[in-house]
Amino acid sequence: MNIITYFGELLSEKIGIPAIAARGLLRFSLKDEVGSAENPDYESLLKAFKNSFKNRLEKIGIENRDKIANEMIQELSKKQSLFTMSSV
């Protein structure tokens, strides 16, 4: 399971943008935080959701960015072991 694809689909549903655009937003958020969107791990994605992801949502005019970021963090925490195993 690709972590960017999974969270891109989830974000797409939450904010009503195409999945490809949501994946791009996630990749740019990761690049802002850790310099690369290649092979993101739990820590880098968590850092991105807490910081640059909210800024990216603000730039595209999303009102409830804190709520969305918190929901993404909760989902990341719930699926942590699954993503860790899939990256090995």
N, C-alpha and C. Protein backbone atom coordinates (compact mmCIF):
# COMPACT_ATOMS: atom_id res chain seq x y z
N MET A 1 0.85 -1.18 0.00
CA MET A 1 0.00 0.00 0.00
C MET A 1 0.89 1.24 0.00
N ASN A 2 0.66 2.13 -0.94
CA ASN A 2 1.40 3.37 -1.03
C ASN A 2 0.78 4.40 -0.10
N ILE A 3 1.57 4.94 0.79
CA ILE A 3 1.09 5.86 1.81
C ILE A 3 0.58 7.17 1.20
N ILE A 4 1.22 7.65 0.15
CA ILE A 4 0.79 8.89 -0.51
C ILE A 4 -0.56 8.66 -1.20
N THR A 5 -0.70 7.53 -1.85
CA THR A 5 -1.97 7.20 -2.51
C THR A 5 -3.10 7.11 -1.48
N TYR A 6 -2.84 6.41 -0.40
CA TYR A 6 -3.86 6.24 0.64
C TYR A 6 -4.31 7.60 1.19
N PHE A 7 -3.37 8.41 1.61
CA PHE A 7 -3.74 9.70 2.19
C PHE A 7 -4.24 10.69 1.14
N GLY A 8 -3.80 10.53 -0.09
CA GLY A 8 -4.33 11.36 -1.17
C GLY A 8 -5.81 11.11 -1.41
N GLU A 9 -6.19 9.84 -1.40
CA GLU A 9 -7.61 9.48 -1.56
C GLU A 9 -8.43 10.01 -0.38
N LEU A 10 -7.90 9.85 0.80
CA LEU A 10 -8.59 10.33 2.00
C LEU A 10 -8.77 11.85 1.96
N LEU A 11 -7.70 12.56 1.63
CA LEU A 11 -7.76 14.02 1.56
C LEU A 11 -8.70 14.48 0.46
N SER A 12 -8.68 13.78 -0.66
CA SER A 12 -9.57 14.10 -1.78
C SER A 12 -11.04 14.10 -1.33
N GLU A 13 -11.40 13.09 -0.58
CA GLU A 13 -12.78 12.99 -0.07
C GLU A 13 -13.09 14.11 0.93
N LYS A 14 -12.12 14.46 1.75
CA LYS A 14 -12.35 15.44 2.81
C LYS A 14 -12.52 16.86 2.28
N ILE A 15 -11.74 17.21 1.23
CA ILE A 15 -11.78 18.61 0.78
C ILE A 15 -12.34 18.78 -0.63
N GLY A 16 -12.72 17.69 -1.26
CA GLY A 16 -13.40 17.77 -2.55
C GLY A 16 -12.52 18.20 -3.72
N ILE A 17 -11.28 17.71 -3.75
CA ILE A 17 -10.41 17.96 -4.89
C ILE A 17 -10.06 16.62 -5.51
N PRO A 18 -9.61 16.62 -6.77
CA PRO A 18 -9.22 15.35 -7.38
C PRO A 18 -8.09 14.67 -6.60
N ALA A 19 -8.09 13.36 -6.61
CA ALA A 19 -7.09 12.60 -5.85
C ALA A 19 -5.67 12.94 -6.29
N ILE A 20 -5.46 13.17 -7.56
CA ILE A 20 -4.12 13.50 -8.05
C ILE A 20 -3.64 14.83 -7.46
N ALA A 21 -4.55 15.78 -7.33
CA ALA A 21 -4.19 17.07 -6.73
C ALA A 21 -3.91 16.91 -5.23
N ALA A 22 -4.67 16.07 -4.57
CA ALA A 22 -4.46 15.82 -3.14
C ALA A 22 -3.11 15.15 -2.91
N ARG A 23 -2.76 14.21 -3.77
CA ARG A 23 -1.44 13.56 -3.65
C ARG A 23 -0.32 14.57 -3.87
N GLY A 24 -0.51 15.47 -4.81
CA GLY A 24 0.48 16.52 -5.05
C GLY A 24 0.63 17.42 -3.85
N LEU A 25 -0.47 17.78 -3.24
CA LEU A 25 -0.43 18.62 -2.05
C LEU A 25 0.35 17.92 -0.93
N LEU A 26 0.13 16.64 -0.78
CA LEU A 26 0.87 15.87 0.23
C LEU A 26 2.36 15.82 -0.09
N ARG A 27 2.68 15.60 -1.35
CA ARG A 27 4.09 15.54 -1.74
C ARG A 27 4.80 16.87 -1.51
N PHE A 28 4.14 17.97 -1.86
CA PHE A 28 4.74 19.29 -1.62
C PHE A 28 4.90 19.56 -0.14
N SER A 29 3.94 19.13 0.66
CA SER A 29 4.04 19.30 2.11
C SER A 29 5.24 18.54 2.67
N LEU A 30 5.43 17.33 2.18
CA LEU A 30 6.59 16.53 2.61
C LEU A 30 7.90 17.18 2.17
N LYS A 31 7.94 17.68 0.94
CA LYS A 31 9.15 18.35 0.46
C LYS A 31 9.47 19.57 1.30
N ASP A 32 8.44 20.32 1.69
CA ASP A 32 8.65 21.50 2.54
C ASP A 32 9.28 21.11 3.86
N GLU A 33 8.86 19.99 4.42
CA GLU A 33 9.29 19.59 5.75
C GLU A 33 10.61 18.83 5.77
N VAL A 34 10.74 17.86 4.90
CA VAL A 34 11.90 16.98 4.98
C VAL A 34 12.76 16.97 3.71
N GLY A 35 12.40 17.77 2.73
CA GLY A 35 13.22 17.88 1.53
C GLY A 35 12.95 16.85 0.46
N SER A 36 12.13 15.86 0.74
CA SER A 36 11.85 14.82 -0.23
C SER A 36 10.50 14.18 0.05
N ALA A 37 9.84 13.79 -1.01
CA ALA A 37 8.58 13.07 -0.86
C ALA A 37 8.75 11.59 -1.19
N GLU A 38 9.99 11.18 -1.42
CA GLU A 38 10.28 9.78 -1.73
C GLU A 38 10.29 8.94 -0.46
N ASN A 39 9.60 7.85 -0.49
CA ASN A 39 9.55 6.89 0.62
C ASN A 39 9.30 7.54 1.99
N PRO A 40 8.19 8.25 2.12
CA PRO A 40 7.92 8.89 3.41
C PRO A 40 7.67 7.86 4.50
N ASP A 41 8.12 8.17 5.69
CA ASP A 41 7.87 7.30 6.83
C ASP A 41 6.89 8.00 7.78
N TYR A 42 6.58 7.32 8.85
CA TYR A 42 5.62 7.84 9.82
C TYR A 42 6.04 9.22 10.33
N GLU A 43 7.28 9.35 10.75
CA GLU A 43 7.75 10.60 11.35
C GLU A 43 7.71 11.76 10.38
N SER A 44 8.13 11.55 9.14
CA SER A 44 8.13 12.64 8.18
C SER A 44 6.71 13.06 7.82
N LEU A 45 5.82 12.10 7.70
CA LEU A 45 4.43 12.44 7.39
C LEU A 45 3.76 13.13 8.57
N LEU A 46 4.04 12.69 9.76
CA LEU A 46 3.50 13.34 10.95
C LEU A 46 3.97 14.79 11.02
N LYS A 47 5.24 15.01 10.79
CA LYS A 47 5.81 16.36 10.80
C LYS A 47 5.14 17.23 9.73
N ALA A 48 4.95 16.68 8.55
CA ALA A 48 4.30 17.43 7.47
C ALA A 48 2.86 17.79 7.83
N PHE A 49 2.10 16.82 8.37
CA PHE A 49 0.71 17.09 8.74
C PHE A 49 0.61 18.17 9.82
N LYS A 50 1.56 18.20 10.71
CA LYS A 50 1.53 19.18 11.81
C LYS A 50 1.94 20.57 11.36
N ASN A 51 2.69 20.68 10.28
CA ASN A 51 3.26 21.96 9.92
C ASN A 51 2.87 22.42 8.51
N SER A 52 3.65 22.06 7.53
CA SER A 52 3.48 22.61 6.18
C SER A 52 2.16 22.23 5.52
N PHE A 53 1.60 21.10 5.89
CA PHE A 53 0.32 20.67 5.33
C PHE A 53 -0.76 21.72 5.61
N LYS A 54 -0.79 22.24 6.81
CA LYS A 54 -1.78 23.26 7.17
C LYS A 54 -1.56 24.52 6.34
N ASN A 55 -0.31 24.89 6.12
CA ASN A 55 -0.01 26.07 5.29
C ASN A 55 -0.47 25.86 3.86
N ARG A 56 -0.26 24.68 3.34
CA ARG A 56 -0.70 24.36 1.98
C ARG A 56 -2.23 24.42 1.88
N LEU A 57 -2.92 23.90 2.88
CA LEU A 57 -4.39 23.97 2.88
C LEU A 57 -4.86 25.42 2.92
N GLU A 58 -4.18 26.24 3.69
CA GLU A 58 -4.54 27.66 3.77
C GLU A 58 -4.36 28.34 2.40
N LYS A 59 -3.28 28.02 1.71
CA LYS A 59 -3.00 28.62 0.40
C LYS A 59 -4.06 28.30 -0.64
N ILE A 60 -4.72 27.15 -0.49
CA ILE A 60 -5.77 26.81 -1.46
C ILE A 60 -7.16 27.14 -0.93
N GLY A 61 -7.22 27.85 0.20
CA GLY A 61 -8.49 28.37 0.69
C GLY A 61 -9.35 27.41 1.51
N ILE A 62 -8.75 26.43 2.13
CA ILE A 62 -9.50 25.48 2.96
C ILE A 62 -9.68 26.08 4.35
N GLU A 63 -10.92 26.21 4.77
CA GLU A 63 -11.25 26.86 6.05
C GLU A 63 -10.89 26.02 7.28
N ASN A 64 -11.27 24.78 7.29
CA ASN A 64 -11.15 23.93 8.49
C ASN A 64 -9.85 23.11 8.46
N ARG A 65 -8.75 23.78 8.16
CA ARG A 65 -7.46 23.08 7.99
C ARG A 65 -6.96 22.40 9.25
N ASP A 66 -7.20 22.98 10.43
CA ASP A 66 -6.76 22.33 11.66
C ASP A 66 -7.51 21.02 11.88
N LYS A 67 -8.79 21.03 11.63
CA LYS A 67 -9.61 19.82 11.78
C LYS A 67 -9.16 18.74 10.80
N ILE A 68 -8.93 19.13 9.57
CA ILE A 68 -8.51 18.17 8.55
C ILE A 68 -7.13 17.60 8.90
N ALA A 69 -6.21 18.46 9.30
CA ALA A 69 -4.86 18.00 9.68
C ALA A 69 -4.95 17.04 10.85
N ASN A 70 -5.76 17.35 11.83
CA ASN A 70 -5.91 16.47 13.00
C ASN A 70 -6.51 15.12 12.60
N GLU A 71 -7.47 15.13 11.69
CA GLU A 71 -8.06 13.86 11.22
C GLU A 71 -7.03 13.02 10.46
N MET A 72 -6.18 13.69 9.68
CA MET A 72 -5.13 12.97 8.96
C MET A 72 -4.12 12.37 9.94
N ILE A 73 -3.79 13.12 10.97
CA ILE A 73 -2.86 12.64 12.00
C ILE A 73 -3.47 11.43 12.73
N GLN A 74 -4.75 11.51 13.05
CA GLN A 74 -5.42 10.39 13.71
C GLN A 74 -5.39 9.14 12.83
N GLU A 75 -5.65 9.32 11.55
CA GLU A 75 -5.63 8.18 10.62
C GLU A 75 -4.21 7.61 10.50
N LEU A 76 -3.23 8.49 10.44
CA LEU A 76 -1.84 8.04 10.40
C LEU A 76 -1.50 7.23 11.64
N SER A 77 -1.92 7.68 12.79
CA SER A 77 -1.66 6.96 14.04
C SER A 77 -2.34 5.60 14.06
N LYS A 78 -3.58 5.54 13.56
CA LYS A 78 -4.32 4.28 13.54
C LYS A 78 -3.66 3.26 12.61
N LYS A 79 -3.10 3.74 11.52
CA LYS A 79 -2.54 2.85 10.50
C LYS A 79 -1.02 2.74 10.58
N GLN A 80 -0.42 3.27 11.64
CA GLN A 80 1.03 3.33 11.76
C GLN A 80 1.71 1.98 11.51
N SER A 81 1.26 0.94 12.16
CA SER A 81 1.92 -0.35 12.01
C SER A 81 1.77 -0.90 10.59
N LEU A 82 0.64 -0.67 9.97
CA LEU A 82 0.41 -1.13 8.60
C LEU A 82 1.39 -0.45 7.65
N PHE A 83 1.55 0.86 7.78
CA PHE A 83 2.46 1.59 6.90
C PHE A 83 3.90 1.23 7.18
N THR A 84 4.23 0.99 8.42
CA THR A 84 5.60 0.61 8.77
C THR A 84 5.94 -0.73 8.15
N MET A 85 5.01 -1.67 8.21
CA MET A 85 5.25 -3.00 7.64
C MET A 85 5.32 -2.95 6.12
N SER A 86 4.53 -2.10 5.49
CA SER A 86 4.53 -2.04 4.04
C SER A 86 5.78 -1.37 3.48
N SER A 87 6.46 -0.58 4.31
CA SER A 87 7.66 0.10 3.83
C SER A 87 8.92 -0.76 3.99
N VAL A 88 8.80 -1.89 4.67
CA VAL A 88 9.97 -2.75 4.89
C VAL A 88 10.21 -3.65 3.71
